[in-house]
PDB file of N, CA and C in Angstrom:
ATOM      1  N   MET A   1      -8.388  88.758  39.384  1.00  0.00           N
ATOM      2  CA  MET A   1      -8.014  87.472  39.810  1.00  0.00           C
ATOM      3  C   MET A   1      -8.431  86.416  38.817  1.00  0.00           C
ATOM      4  N   ARG A   2      -7.621  85.520  38.800  1.00  0.00           N
ATOM      5  CA  ARG A   2      -7.893  84.467  37.843  1.00  0.00           C
ATOM      6  C   ARG A   2      -8.659  83.348  38.482  1.00  0.00           C
ATOM      7  N   ASN A   3      -9.355  82.711  37.632  1.00  0.00           N
ATOM      8  CA  ASN A   3     -10.100  81.560  38.097  1.00  0.00           C
ATOM      9  C   ASN A   3      -9.140  80.383  38.205  1.00  0.00           C
ATOM     10  N   LEU A   4      -9.097  79.784  39.347  1.00  0.00           N
ATOM     11  CA  LEU A   4      -8.160  78.690  39.550  1.00  0.00           C
ATOM     12  C   LEU A   4      -8.598  77.427  38.789  1.00  0.00           C
ATOM     13  N   ALA A   5      -9.819  77.381  38.410  1.00  0.00           N
ATOM     14  CA  ALA A   5     -10.301  76.221  37.683  1.00  0.00           C
ATOM     15  C   ALA A   5      -9.804  76.235  36.248  1.00  0.00           C
ATOM     16  N   GLU A   6      -9.413  77.399  35.804  1.00  0.00           N
ATOM     17  CA  GLU A   6      -8.925  77.479  34.439  1.00  0.00           C
ATOM     18  C   GLU A   6      -7.477  77.048  34.394  1.00  0.00           C
ATOM     19  N   LYS A   7      -7.156  76.363  33.365  1.00  0.00           N
ATOM     20  CA  LYS A   7      -5.784  75.960  33.186  1.00  0.00           C
ATOM     21  C   LYS A   7      -5.104  77.030  32.357  1.00  0.00           C
ATOM     22  N   PRO A   8      -3.959  77.288  32.717  1.00  0.00           N
ATOM     23  CA  PRO A   8      -3.272  78.293  31.913  1.00  0.00           C
ATOM     24  C   PRO A   8      -2.974  77.717  30.531  1.00  0.00           C
ATOM     25  N   TYR A   9      -3.076  78.512  29.562  1.00  0.00           N
ATOM     26  CA  TYR A   9      -2.860  78.084  28.192  1.00  0.00           C
ATOM     27  C   TYR A   9      -1.377  77.918  27.963  1.00  0.00           C
ATOM     28  N   VAL A  10      -1.047  76.664  27.697  1.00  0.00           N
ATOM     29  CA  VAL A  10       0.348  76.367  27.418  1.00  0.00           C
ATOM     30  C   VAL A  10       0.414  75.895  25.975  1.00  0.00           C
ATOM     31  N   ARG A  11       1.246  76.526  25.297  1.00  0.00           N
ATOM     32  CA  ARG A  11       1.388  76.143  23.895  1.00  0.00           C
ATOM     33  C   ARG A  11       2.166  74.825  23.837  1.00  0.00           C
ATOM     34  N   GLU A  12       1.487  73.848  23.271  1.00  0.00           N
ATOM     35  CA  GLU A  12       2.125  72.551  23.167  1.00  0.00           C
ATOM     36  C   GLU A  12       2.827  72.458  21.823  1.00  0.00           C
ATOM     37  N   GLU A  13       3.981  72.088  21.898  1.00  0.00           N
ATOM     38  CA  GLU A  13       4.717  71.924  20.666  1.00  0.00           C
ATOM     39  C   GLU A  13       4.586  70.470  20.232  1.00  0.00           C
ATOM     40  N   GLN A  14       4.302  70.351  19.013  1.00  0.00           N
ATOM     41  CA  GLN A  14       4.191  69.008  18.491  1.00  0.00           C
ATOM     42  C   GLN A  14       5.563  68.578  18.013  1.00  0.00           C
ATOM     43  N   ARG A  15       5.936  67.537  18.571  1.00  0.00           N
ATOM     44  CA  ARG A  15       7.230  67.022  18.183  1.00  0.00           C
ATOM     45  C   ARG A  15       7.006  65.851  17.225  1.00  0.00           C
ATOM     46  N   GLU A  16       7.750  65.857  16.233  1.00  0.00           N
ATOM     47  CA  GLU A  16       7.682  64.755  15.289  1.00  0.00           C
ATOM     48  C   GLU A  16       8.709  63.731  15.705  1.00  0.00           C
ATOM     49  N   VAL A  17       8.204  62.571  15.847  1.00  0.00           N
ATOM     50  CA  VAL A  17       9.090  61.506  16.251  1.00  0.00           C
ATOM     51  C   VAL A  17       9.417  60.692  14.998  1.00  0.00           C
ATOM     52  N   GLN A  18      10.629  60.611  14.712  1.00  0.00           N
ATOM     53  CA  GLN A  18      11.048  59.823  13.567  1.00  0.00           C
ATOM     54  C   GLN A  18      11.660  58.537  14.085  1.00  0.00           C
ATOM     55  N   THR A  19      11.102  57.476  13.553  1.00  0.00           N
ATOM     56  CA  THR A  19      11.665  56.201  13.949  1.00  0.00           C
ATOM     57  C   THR A  19      12.587  55.721  12.840  1.00  0.00           C
ATOM     58  N   VAL A  20      13.692  55.304  13.229  1.00  0.00           N
ATOM     59  CA  VAL A  20      14.669  54.816  12.275  1.00  0.00           C
ATOM     60  C   VAL A  20      14.670  53.297  12.381  1.00  0.00           C
ATOM     61  N   ARG A  21      14.380  52.696  11.293  1.00  0.00           N
ATOM     62  CA  ARG A  21      14.362  51.244  11.259  1.00  0.00           C
ATOM     63  C   ARG A  21      15.575  50.773  10.476  1.00  0.00           C
ATOM     64  N   ARG A  22      16.299  49.994  11.131  1.00  0.00           N
ATOM     65  CA  ARG A  22      17.453  49.424  10.470  1.00  0.00           C
ATOM     66  C   ARG A  22      17.118  47.976  10.113  1.00  0.00           C
ATOM     67  N   GLN A  23      17.537  47.604   8.957  1.00  0.00           N
ATOM     68  CA  GLN A  23      17.339  46.212   8.569  1.00  0.00           C
ATOM     69  C   GLN A  23      18.466  45.409   9.193  1.00  0.00           C
ATOM     70  N   ILE A  24      18.016  44.418   9.923  1.00  0.00           N
ATOM     71  CA  ILE A  24      18.984  43.555  10.576  1.00  0.00           C
ATOM     72  C   ILE A  24      19.048  42.266   9.783  1.00  0.00           C
ATOM     73  N   ARG A  25      20.194  41.966   9.304  1.00  0.00           N
ATOM     74  CA  ARG A  25      20.372  40.721   8.578  1.00  0.00           C
ATOM     75  C   ARG A  25      20.811  39.662   9.564  1.00  0.00           C
ATOM     76  N   LYS A  26      19.984  38.655   9.601  1.00  0.00           N
ATOM     77  CA  LYS A  26      20.310  37.581  10.525  1.00  0.00           C
ATOM     78  C   LYS A  26      21.106  36.528   9.762  1.00  0.00           C
ATOM     79  N   THR A  27      22.229  36.238  10.234  1.00  0.00           N
ATOM     80  CA  THR A  27      23.046  35.202   9.623  1.00  0.00           C
ATOM     81  C   THR A  27      23.024  33.988  10.539  1.00  0.00           C
ATOM     82  N   PHE A  28      23.071  32.851   9.918  1.00  0.00           N
ATOM     83  CA  PHE A  28      23.050  31.615  10.689  1.00  0.00           C
ATOM     84  C   PHE A  28      24.464  31.257  11.108  1.00  0.00           C
ATOM     85  N   THR A  29      24.539  30.699  12.270  1.00  0.00           N
ATOM     86  CA  THR A  29      25.845  30.252  12.735  1.00  0.00           C
ATOM     87  C   THR A  29      26.203  28.939  12.049  1.00  0.00           C
ATOM     88  N   ARG A  30      27.412  28.521  12.218  1.00  0.00           N
ATOM     89  CA  ARG A  30      27.878  27.304  11.582  1.00  0.00           C
ATOM     90  C   ARG A  30      27.099  26.089  12.107  1.00  0.00           C
ATOM     91  N   ALA A  31      26.803  26.078  13.373  1.00  0.00           N
ATOM     92  CA  ALA A  31      26.042  24.965  13.960  1.00  0.00           C
ATOM     93  C   ALA A  31      24.615  24.932  13.420  1.00  0.00           C
ATOM     94  N   GLU A  32      23.999  26.112  13.275  1.00  0.00           N
ATOM     95  CA  GLU A  32      22.634  26.166  12.737  1.00  0.00           C
ATOM     96  C   GLU A  32      22.615  25.699  11.288  1.00  0.00           C
ATOM     97  N   LYS A  33      23.616  26.096  10.515  1.00  0.00           N
ATOM     98  CA  LYS A  33      23.694  25.660   9.126  1.00  0.00           C
ATOM     99  C   LYS A  33      23.858  24.145   9.052  1.00  0.00           C
ATOM    100  N   GLY A  34      24.688  23.605   9.908  1.00  0.00           N
ATOM    101  CA  GLY A  34      24.879  22.160   9.930  1.00  0.00           C
ATOM    102  C   GLY A  34      23.610  21.435  10.318  1.00  0.00           C
ATOM    103  N   LEU A  35      22.896  21.979  11.300  1.00  0.00           N
ATOM    104  CA  LEU A  35      21.645  21.363  11.737  1.00  0.00           C
ATOM    105  C   LEU A  35      20.588  21.419  10.639  1.00  0.00           C
ATOM    106  N   LEU A  36      20.476  22.556   9.953  1.00  0.00           N
ATOM    107  CA  LEU A  36      19.517  22.671   8.852  1.00  0.00           C
ATOM    108  C   LEU A  36      19.873  21.719   7.710  1.00  0.00           C
ATOM    109  N   THR A  37      21.156  21.572   7.437  1.00  0.00           N
ATOM    110  CA  THR A  37      21.584  20.642   6.402  1.00  0.00           C
ATOM    111  C   THR A  37      21.243  19.209   6.793  1.00  0.00           C
ATOM    112  N   LEU A  38      21.459  18.877   8.049  1.00  0.00           N
ATOM    113  CA  LEU A  38      21.149  17.538   8.538  1.00  0.00           C
ATOM    114  C   LEU A  38      19.647  17.261   8.461  1.00  0.00           C
ATOM    115  N   ILE A  39      18.830  18.236   8.830  1.00  0.00           N
ATOM    116  CA  ILE A  39      17.374  18.076   8.759  1.00  0.00           C
ATOM    117  C   ILE A  39      16.930  17.916   7.309  1.00  0.00           C
ATOM    118  N   GLY A  40      17.477  18.725   6.415  1.00  0.00           N
ATOM    119  CA  GLY A  40      17.140  18.614   4.990  1.00  0.00           C
ATOM    120  C   GLY A  40      17.517  17.263   4.424  1.00  0.00           C
ATOM    121  N   ALA A  41      18.702  16.776   4.792  1.00  0.00           N
ATOM    122  CA  ALA A  41      19.139  15.460   4.319  1.00  0.00           C
ATOM    123  C   ALA A  41      18.222  14.365   4.854  1.00  0.00           C
ATOM    124  N   ALA A  42      17.784  14.484   6.102  1.00  0.00           N
ATOM    125  CA  ALA A  42      16.878  13.491   6.688  1.00  0.00           C
ATOM    126  C   ALA A  42      15.535  13.488   5.959  1.00  0.00           C
ATOM    127  N   ILE A  43      15.044  14.668   5.601  1.00  0.00           N
ATOM    128  CA  ILE A  43      13.773  14.753   4.879  1.00  0.00           C
ATOM    129  C   ILE A  43      13.902  14.114   3.503  1.00  0.00           C
ATOM    130  N   VAL A  44      14.975  14.418   2.799  1.00  0.00           N
ATOM    131  CA  VAL A  44      15.186  13.844   1.469  1.00  0.00           C
ATOM    132  C   VAL A  44      15.339  12.326   1.562  1.00  0.00           C
ATOM    133  N   PHE A  45      16.100  11.849   2.546  1.00  0.00           N
ATOM    134  CA  PHE A  45      16.297  10.411   2.724  1.00  0.00           C
ATOM    135  C   PHE A  45      14.982   9.704   3.017  1.00  0.00           C
ATOM    136  N   SER A  46      14.168  10.283   3.894  1.00  0.00           N
ATOM    137  CA  SER A  46      12.890   9.644   4.223  1.00  0.00           C
ATOM    138  C   SER A  46      11.949   9.658   3.026  1.00  0.00           C
ATOM    139  N   ALA A  47      11.991  10.709   2.210  1.00  0.00           N
ATOM    140  CA  ALA A  47      11.146  10.754   1.016  1.00  0.00           C
ATOM    141  C   ALA A  47      11.565   9.668   0.027  1.00  0.00           C
ATOM    142  N   ILE A  48      12.864   9.502  -0.166  1.00  0.00           N
ATOM    143  CA  ILE A  48      13.352   8.461  -1.066  1.00  0.00           C
ATOM    144  C   ILE A  48      12.978   7.082  -0.538  1.00  0.00           C
ATOM    145  N   LEU A  49      13.096   6.892   0.750  1.00  0.00           N
ATOM    146  CA  LEU A  49      12.748   5.611   1.364  1.00  0.00           C
ATOM    147  C   LEU A  49      11.261   5.301   1.182  1.00  0.00           C
ATOM    148  N   MET A  50      10.407   6.296   1.351  1.00  0.00           N
ATOM    149  CA  MET A  50       8.969   6.085   1.181  1.00  0.00           C
ATOM    150  C   MET A  50       8.636   5.720  -0.263  1.00  0.00           C
ATOM    151  N   VAL A  51       9.251   6.418  -1.215  1.00  0.00           N
ATOM    152  CA  VAL A  51       8.970   6.135  -2.625  1.00  0.00           C
ATOM    153  C   VAL A  51       9.435   4.733  -2.991  1.00  0.00           C
ATOM    154  N   SER A  52      10.601   4.337  -2.493  1.00  0.00           N
ATOM    155  CA  SER A  52      11.082   2.988  -2.811  1.00  0.00           C
ATOM    156  C   SER A  52      10.184   1.922  -2.169  1.00  0.00           C
ATOM    157  N   ASN A  53       9.680   2.177  -0.972  1.00  0.00           N
ATOM    158  CA  ASN A  53       8.761   1.225  -0.327  1.00  0.00           C
ATOM    159  C   ASN A  53       7.460   1.100  -1.110  1.00  0.00           C
ATOM    160  N   TYR A  54       6.919   2.230  -1.573  1.00  0.00           N
ATOM    161  CA  TYR A  54       5.693   2.177  -2.366  1.00  0.00           C
ATOM    162  C   TYR A  54       5.925   1.434  -3.677  1.00  0.00           C
ATOM    163  N   ALA A  55       7.092   1.629  -4.281  1.00  0.00           N
ATOM    164  CA  ALA A  55       7.393   0.934  -5.537  1.00  0.00           C
ATOM    165  C   ALA A  55       7.485  -0.573  -5.301  1.00  0.00           C
ATOM    166  N   SER A  56       8.146  -0.983  -4.218  1.00  0.00           N
ATOM    167  CA  SER A  56       8.246  -2.420  -3.948  1.00  0.00           C
ATOM    168  C   SER A  56       6.882  -3.007  -3.602  1.00  0.00           C
ATOM    169  N   MET A  57       6.054  -2.269  -2.879  1.00  0.00           N
ATOM    170  CA  MET A  57       4.704  -2.756  -2.570  1.00  0.00           C
ATOM    171  C   MET A  57       3.891  -2.921  -3.853  1.00  0.00           C
ATOM    172  N   TYR A  58       4.049  -1.999  -4.798  1.00  0.00           N
ATOM    173  CA  TYR A  58       3.319  -2.069  -6.060  1.00  0.00           C
ATOM    174  C   TYR A  58       3.729  -3.313  -6.839  1.00  0.00           C
ATOM    175  N   THR A  59       5.034  -3.576  -6.920  1.00  0.00           N
ATOM    176  CA  THR A  59       5.484  -4.755  -7.660  1.00  0.00           C
ATOM    177  C   THR A  59       5.033  -6.043  -6.962  1.00  0.00           C
ATOM    178  N   GLN A  60       5.062  -6.063  -5.637  1.00  0.00           N
ATOM    179  CA  GLN A  60       4.605  -7.252  -4.919  1.00  0.00           C
ATOM    180  C   GLN A  60       3.113  -7.468  -5.111  1.00  0.00           C
ATOM    181  N   ASN A  61       2.335  -6.392  -5.143  1.00  0.00           N
ATOM    182  CA  ASN A  61       0.898  -6.538  -5.391  1.00  0.00           C
ATOM    183  C   ASN A  61       0.645  -7.093  -6.784  1.00  0.00           C
ATOM    184  N   GLN A  62       1.458  -6.662  -7.765  1.00  0.00           N
ATOM    185  CA  GLN A  62       1.308  -7.208  -9.110  1.00  0.00           C
ATOM    186  C   GLN A  62       1.646  -8.699  -9.128  1.00  0.00           C
ATOM    187  N   GLU A  63       2.695  -9.084  -8.437  1.00  0.00           N
ATOM    188  CA  GLU A  63       3.070 -10.498  -8.375  1.00  0.00           C
ATOM    189  C   GLU A  63       1.978 -11.319  -7.687  1.00  0.00           C
ATOM    190  N   ILE A  64       1.413 -10.796  -6.627  1.00  0.00           N
ATOM    191  CA  ILE A  64       0.326 -11.491  -5.923  1.00  0.00           C
ATOM    192  C   ILE A  64      -0.870 -11.670  -6.839  1.00  0.00           C
ATOM    193  N   SER A  65      -1.207 -10.623  -7.578  1.00  0.00           N
ATOM    194  CA  SER A  65      -2.334 -10.698  -8.499  1.00  0.00           C
ATOM    195  C   SER A  65      -2.081 -11.746  -9.580  1.00  0.00           C
ATOM    196  N   GLN A  66      -0.863 -11.767 -10.107  1.00  0.00           N
ATOM    197  CA  GLN A  66      -0.525 -12.753 -11.138  1.00  0.00           C
ATOM    198  C   GLN A  66      -0.596 -14.173 -10.572  1.00  0.00           C
ATOM    199  N   LEU A  67      -0.097 -14.367  -9.349  1.00  0.00           N
ATOM    200  CA  LEU A  67      -0.156 -15.689  -8.726  1.00  0.00           C
ATOM    201  C   LEU A  67      -1.596 -16.129  -8.471  1.00  0.00           C
ATOM    202  N   GLN A  68      -2.444 -15.189  -8.071  1.00  0.00           N
ATOM    203  CA  GLN A  68      -3.850 -15.537  -7.851  1.00  0.00           C
ATOM    204  C   GLN A  68      -4.512 -15.956  -9.158  1.00  0.00           C
ATOM    205  N   ASN A  69      -4.168 -15.279 -10.251  1.00  0.00           N
ATOM    206  CA  ASN A  69      -4.709 -15.681 -11.549  1.00  0.00           C
ATOM    207  C   ASN A  69      -4.215 -17.075 -11.934  1.00  0.00           C
ATOM    208  N   ASP A  70      -2.922 -17.342 -11.703  1.00  0.00           N
ATOM    209  CA  ASP A  70      -2.375 -18.661 -12.004  1.00  0.00           C
ATOM    210  C   ASP A  70      -3.061 -19.741 -11.171  1.00  0.00           C
ATOM    211  N   ILE A  71      -3.297 -19.448  -9.903  1.00  0.00           N
ATOM    212  CA  ILE A  71      -3.951 -20.418  -9.012  1.00  0.00           C
ATOM    213  C   ILE A  71      -5.370 -20.717  -9.491  1.00  0.00           C
ATOM    214  N   SER A  72      -6.110 -19.676  -9.871  1.00  0.00           N
ATOM    215  CA  SER A  72      -7.483 -19.912 -10.323  1.00  0.00           C
ATOM    216  C   SER A  72      -7.503 -20.712 -11.621  1.00  0.00           C
ATOM    217  N   GLN A  73      -6.550 -20.452 -12.530  1.00  0.00           N
ATOM    218  CA  GLN A  73      -6.489 -21.239 -13.766  1.00  0.00           C
ATOM    219  C   GLN A  73      -6.148 -22.690 -13.461  1.00  0.00           C
ATOM    220  N   GLN A  74      -5.218 -22.910 -12.555  1.00  0.00           N
ATOM    221  CA  GLN A  74      -4.836 -24.282 -12.193  1.00  0.00           C
ATOM    222  C   GLN A  74      -6.000 -25.007 -11.518  1.00  0.00           C
ATOM    223  N   GLN A  75      -6.770 -24.304 -10.692  1.00  0.00           N
ATOM    224  CA  GLN A  75      -7.931 -24.921 -10.050  1.00  0.00           C
ATOM    225  C   GLN A  75      -8.974 -25.335 -11.086  1.00  0.00           C
ATOM    226  N   GLN A  76      -9.188 -24.480 -12.083  1.00  0.00           N
ATOM    227  CA  GLN A  76     -10.133 -24.830 -13.141  1.00  0.00           C
ATOM    228  C   GLN A  76      -9.645 -26.047 -13.920  1.00  0.00           C
ATOM    229  N   TYR A  77      -8.345 -26.092 -14.188  1.00  0.00           N
ATOM    230  CA  TYR A  77      -7.778 -27.241 -14.906  1.00  0.00           C
ATOM    231  C   TYR A  77      -7.928 -28.519 -14.079  1.00  0.00           C
ATOM    232  N   ASN A  78      -7.662 -28.406 -12.772  1.00  0.00           N
ATOM    233  CA  ASN A  78      -7.799 -29.571 -11.884  1.00  0.00           C
ATOM    234  C   ASN A  78      -9.244 -30.049 -11.808  1.00  0.00           C
ATOM    235  N   GLU A  79     -10.186 -29.121 -11.762  1.00  0.00           N
ATOM    236  CA  GLU A  79     -11.600 -29.509 -11.739  1.00  0.00           C
ATOM    237  C   GLU A  79     -11.983 -30.250 -13.013  1.00  0.00           C
ATOM    238  N   GLY A  80     -11.440 -29.778 -14.140  1.00  0.00           N
ATOM    239  CA  GLY A  80     -11.702 -30.476 -15.405  1.00  0.00           C
ATOM    240  C   GLY A  80     -11.154 -31.895 -15.380  1.00  0.00           C
ATOM    241  N   LEU A  81      -9.942 -32.040 -14.834  1.00  0.00           N
ATOM    242  CA  LEU A  81      -9.347 -33.374 -14.743  1.00  0.00           C
ATOM    243  C   LEU A  81     -10.139 -34.274 -13.799  1.00  0.00           C
ATOM    244  N   GLU A  82     -10.607 -33.729 -12.681  1.00  0.00           N
ATOM    245  CA  GLU A  82     -11.420 -34.528 -11.752  1.00  0.00           C
ATOM    246  C   GLU A  82     -12.723 -34.974 -12.415  1.00  0.00           C
ATOM    247  N   HIS A  83     -13.291 -34.103 -13.227  1.00  0.00           N
ATOM    248  CA  HIS A  83     -14.518 -34.463 -13.938  1.00  0.00           C
ATOM    249  C   HIS A  83     -14.226 -35.599 -14.924  1.00  0.00           C
ATOM    250  N   GLN A  84     -13.085 -35.528 -15.603  1.00  0.00           N
ATOM    251  CA  GLN A  84     -12.710 -36.596 -16.534  1.00  0.00           C
ATOM    252  C   GLN A  84     -12.485 -37.908 -15.784  1.00  0.00           C
ATOM    253  N   VAL A  85     -11.845 -37.848 -14.641  1.00  0.00           N
ATOM    254  CA  VAL A  85     -11.603 -39.054 -13.854  1.00  0.00           C
ATOM    255  C   VAL A  85     -12.920 -39.675 -13.428  1.00  0.00           C
ATOM    256  N   SER A  86     -13.865 -38.850 -12.995  1.00  0.00           N
ATOM    257  CA  SER A  86     -15.161 -39.390 -12.568  1.00  0.00           C
ATOM    258  C   SER A  86     -15.909 -40.007 -13.746  1.00  0.00           C
ATOM    259  N   GLU A  87     -15.789 -39.421 -14.932  1.00  0.00           N
ATOM    260  CA  GLU A  87     -16.445 -40.001 -16.114  1.00  0.00           C
ATOM    261  C   GLU A  87     -15.779 -41.308 -16.525  1.00  0.00           C
ATOM    262  N   LEU A  88     -14.446 -41.325 -16.498  1.00  0.00           N
ATOM    263  CA  LEU A  88     -13.730 -42.515 -16.949  1.00  0.00           C
ATOM    264  C   LEU A  88     -13.826 -43.662 -15.950  1.00  0.00           C
ATOM    265  N   SER A  89     -14.036 -43.360 -14.678  1.00  0.00           N
ATOM    266  CA  SER A  89     -14.109 -44.436 -13.687  1.00  0.00           C
ATOM    267  C   SER A  89     -15.548 -44.868 -13.391  1.00  0.00           C
ATOM    268  N   ASP A  90     -16.469 -44.497 -14.214  1.00  0.00           N
ATOM    269  CA  ASP A  90     -17.862 -44.899 -14.050  1.00  0.00           C
ATOM    270  C   ASP A  90     -17.955 -46.422 -14.237  1.00  0.00           C
ATOM    271  N   PRO A  91     -18.548 -47.130 -13.287  1.00  0.00           N
ATOM    272  CA  PRO A  91     -18.608 -48.602 -13.389  1.00  0.00           C
ATOM    273  C   PRO A  91     -19.334 -49.092 -14.635  1.00  0.00           C
ATOM    274  N   GLU A  92     -20.358 -48.434 -15.068  1.00  0.00           N
ATOM    275  CA  GLU A  92     -21.089 -48.860 -16.267  1.00  0.00           C
ATOM    276  C   GLU A  92     -20.201 -48.762 -17.499  1.00  0.00           C
ATOM    277  N   ARG A  93     -19.399 -47.704 -17.581  1.00  0.00           N
ATOM    278  CA  ARG A  93     -18.494 -47.527 -18.703  1.00  0.00           C
ATOM    279  C   ARG A  93     -17.451 -48.656 -18.717  1.00  0.00           C
ATOM    280  N   ILE A  94     -16.903 -48.954 -17.542  1.00  0.00           N
ATOM    281  CA  ILE A  94     -15.909 -50.020 -17.446  1.00  0.00           C
ATOM    282  C   ILE A  94     -16.529 -51.362 -17.836  1.00  0.00           C
ATOM    283  N   LEU A  95     -17.756 -51.613 -17.403  1.00  0.00           N
ATOM    284  CA  LEU A  95     -18.454 -52.857 -17.740  1.00  0.00           C
ATOM    285  C   LEU A  95     -18.688 -52.951 -19.239  1.00  0.00           C
ATOM    286  N   ASN A  96     -19.078 -51.851 -19.876  1.00  0.00           N
ATOM    287  CA  ASN A  96     -19.298 -51.859 -21.337  1.00  0.00           C
ATOM    288  C   ASN A  96     -18.004 -52.139 -22.088  1.00  0.00           C
ATOM    289  N   ILE A  97     -16.913 -51.540 -21.657  1.00  0.00           N
ATOM    290  CA  ILE A  97     -15.624 -51.767 -22.324  1.00  0.00           C
ATOM    291  C   ILE A  97     -15.187 -53.217 -22.133  1.00  0.00           C
ATOM    292  N   ALA A  98     -15.429 -53.748 -20.939  1.00  0.00           N
ATOM    293  CA  ALA A  98     -15.061 -55.139 -20.673  1.00  0.00           C
ATOM    294  C   ALA A  98     -15.878 -56.087 -21.541  1.00  0.00           C
ATOM    295  N   GLU A  99     -17.148 -55.828 -21.708  1.00  0.00           N
ATOM    296  CA  GLU A  99     -17.999 -56.680 -22.540  1.00  0.00           C
ATOM    297  C   GLU A  99     -17.603 -56.575 -24.007  1.00  0.00           C
ATOM    298  N   GLU A 100     -17.183 -55.396 -24.456  1.00  0.00           N
ATOM    299  CA  GLU A 100     -16.747 -55.227 -25.841  1.00  0.00           C
ATOM    300  C   GLU A 100     -15.471 -56.027 -26.099  1.00  0.00           C
ATOM    301  N   ASN A 101     -14.649 -56.198 -25.088  1.00  0.00           N
ATOM    302  CA  ASN A 101     -13.403 -56.952 -25.240  1.00  0.00           C
ATOM    303  C   ASN A 101     -13.582 -58.445 -24.929  1.00  0.00           C
ATOM    304  N   GLY A 102     -14.809 -58.883 -24.764  1.00  0.00           N
ATOM    305  CA  GLY A 102     -15.089 -60.301 -24.616  1.00  0.00           C
ATOM    306  C   GLY A 102     -15.087 -60.795 -23.186  1.00  0.00           C
ATOM    307  N   MET A 103     -15.138 -59.932 -22.233  1.00  0.00           N
ATOM    308  CA  MET A 103     -15.170 -60.358 -20.842  1.00  0.00           C
ATOM    309  C   MET A 103     -16.617 -60.474 -20.388  1.00  0.00           C
ATOM    310  N   GLU A 104     -16.821 -61.355 -19.395  1.00  0.00           N
ATOM    311  CA  GLU A 104     -18.172 -61.539 -18.847  1.00  0.00           C
ATOM    312  C   GLU A 104     -18.133 -61.275 -17.352  1.00  0.00           C
ATOM    313  N   LEU A 105     -19.266 -60.857 -16.837  1.00  0.00           N
ATOM    314  CA  LEU A 105     -19.375 -60.556 -15.413  1.00  0.00           C
ATOM    315  C   LEU A 105     -19.738 -61.825 -14.664  1.00  0.00           C
ATOM    316  N   ASN A 106     -18.890 -62.217 -13.744  1.00  0.00           N
ATOM    317  CA  ASN A 106     -19.136 -63.378 -12.903  1.00  0.00           C
ATOM    318  C   ASN A 106     -19.336 -62.835 -11.486  1.00  0.00           C
ATOM    319  N   GLU A 107     -20.538 -62.897 -10.984  1.00  0.00           N
ATOM    320  CA  GLU A 107     -20.891 -62.332  -9.686  1.00  0.00           C
ATOM    321  C   GLU A 107     -20.154 -63.018  -8.538  1.00  0.00           C
ATOM    322  N   ASP A 108     -19.732 -64.265  -8.735  1.00  0.00           N
ATOM    323  CA  ASP A 108     -19.054 -64.993  -7.652  1.00  0.00           C
ATOM    324  C   ASP A 108     -17.637 -64.474  -7.425  1.00  0.00           C
ATOM    325  N   ASN A 109     -17.007 -63.926  -8.455  1.00  0.00           N
ATOM    326  CA  ASN A 109     -15.623 -63.459  -8.337  1.00  0.00           C
ATOM    327  C   ASN A 109     -15.514 -61.946  -8.065  1.00  0.00           C
ATOM    328  N   VAL A 110     -16.606 -61.292  -7.790  1.00  0.00           N
ATOM    329  CA  VAL A 110     -16.596 -59.852  -7.570  1.00  0.00           C
ATOM    330  C   VAL A 110     -16.178 -59.586  -6.130  1.00  0.00           C
ATOM    331  N   ARG A 111     -15.168 -58.754  -5.953  1.00  0.00           N
ATOM    332  CA  ARG A 111     -14.728 -58.334  -4.624  1.00  0.00           C
ATOM    333  C   ARG A 111     -14.909 -56.824  -4.496  1.00  0.00           C
ATOM    334  N   VAL A 112     -15.443 -56.434  -3.396  1.00  0.00           N
ATOM    335  CA  VAL A 112     -15.666 -55.001  -3.148  1.00  0.00           C
ATOM    336  C   VAL A 112     -14.539 -54.482  -2.301  1.00  0.00           C
ATOM    337  N   LEU A 113     -13.849 -53.472  -2.814  1.00  0.00           N
ATOM    338  CA  LEU A 113     -12.730 -52.845  -2.089  1.00  0.00           C
ATOM    339  C   LEU A 113     -13.190 -51.513  -1.515  1.00  0.00           C
ATOM    340  N   GLN A 114     -12.836 -51.287  -0.303  1.00  0.00           N
ATOM    341  CA  GLN A 114     -13.193 -50.011   0.310  1.00  0.00           C
ATOM    342  C   GLN A 114     -11.908 -49.239   0.600  1.00  0.00           C
ATOM    343  N   PRO A 115     -11.933 -47.972   0.379  1.00  0.00           N
ATOM    344  CA  PRO A 115     -10.719 -47.177   0.619  1.00  0.00           C
ATOM    345  C   PRO A 115     -10.408 -46.985   2.067  1.00  0.00           C
TER     346      PRO A 115
END
């Protein structure tokens, strides 16, 4: 009698499984091609737009810098002119020039003007 706990020896055949892989070429439909073309055109357009904006910003920054330099030079020139005006309008200087030209100071005829 056989032991029921024993499994009968069954010869297992090893089967080789061959997998066949086919390369599937995916082709795009006409709508997908149109959509990809539209997306590509949008990317190129936005890139061109960004570059042109940066170029215009660069030129405007240069113009601003040049204007600021012009303003500072004009301010320095104006300060020089104000200094000359203050020197030339000094009352002592005016009195000396008047005395050199033969004028005399008469205190009775002096009028004080206020701005």
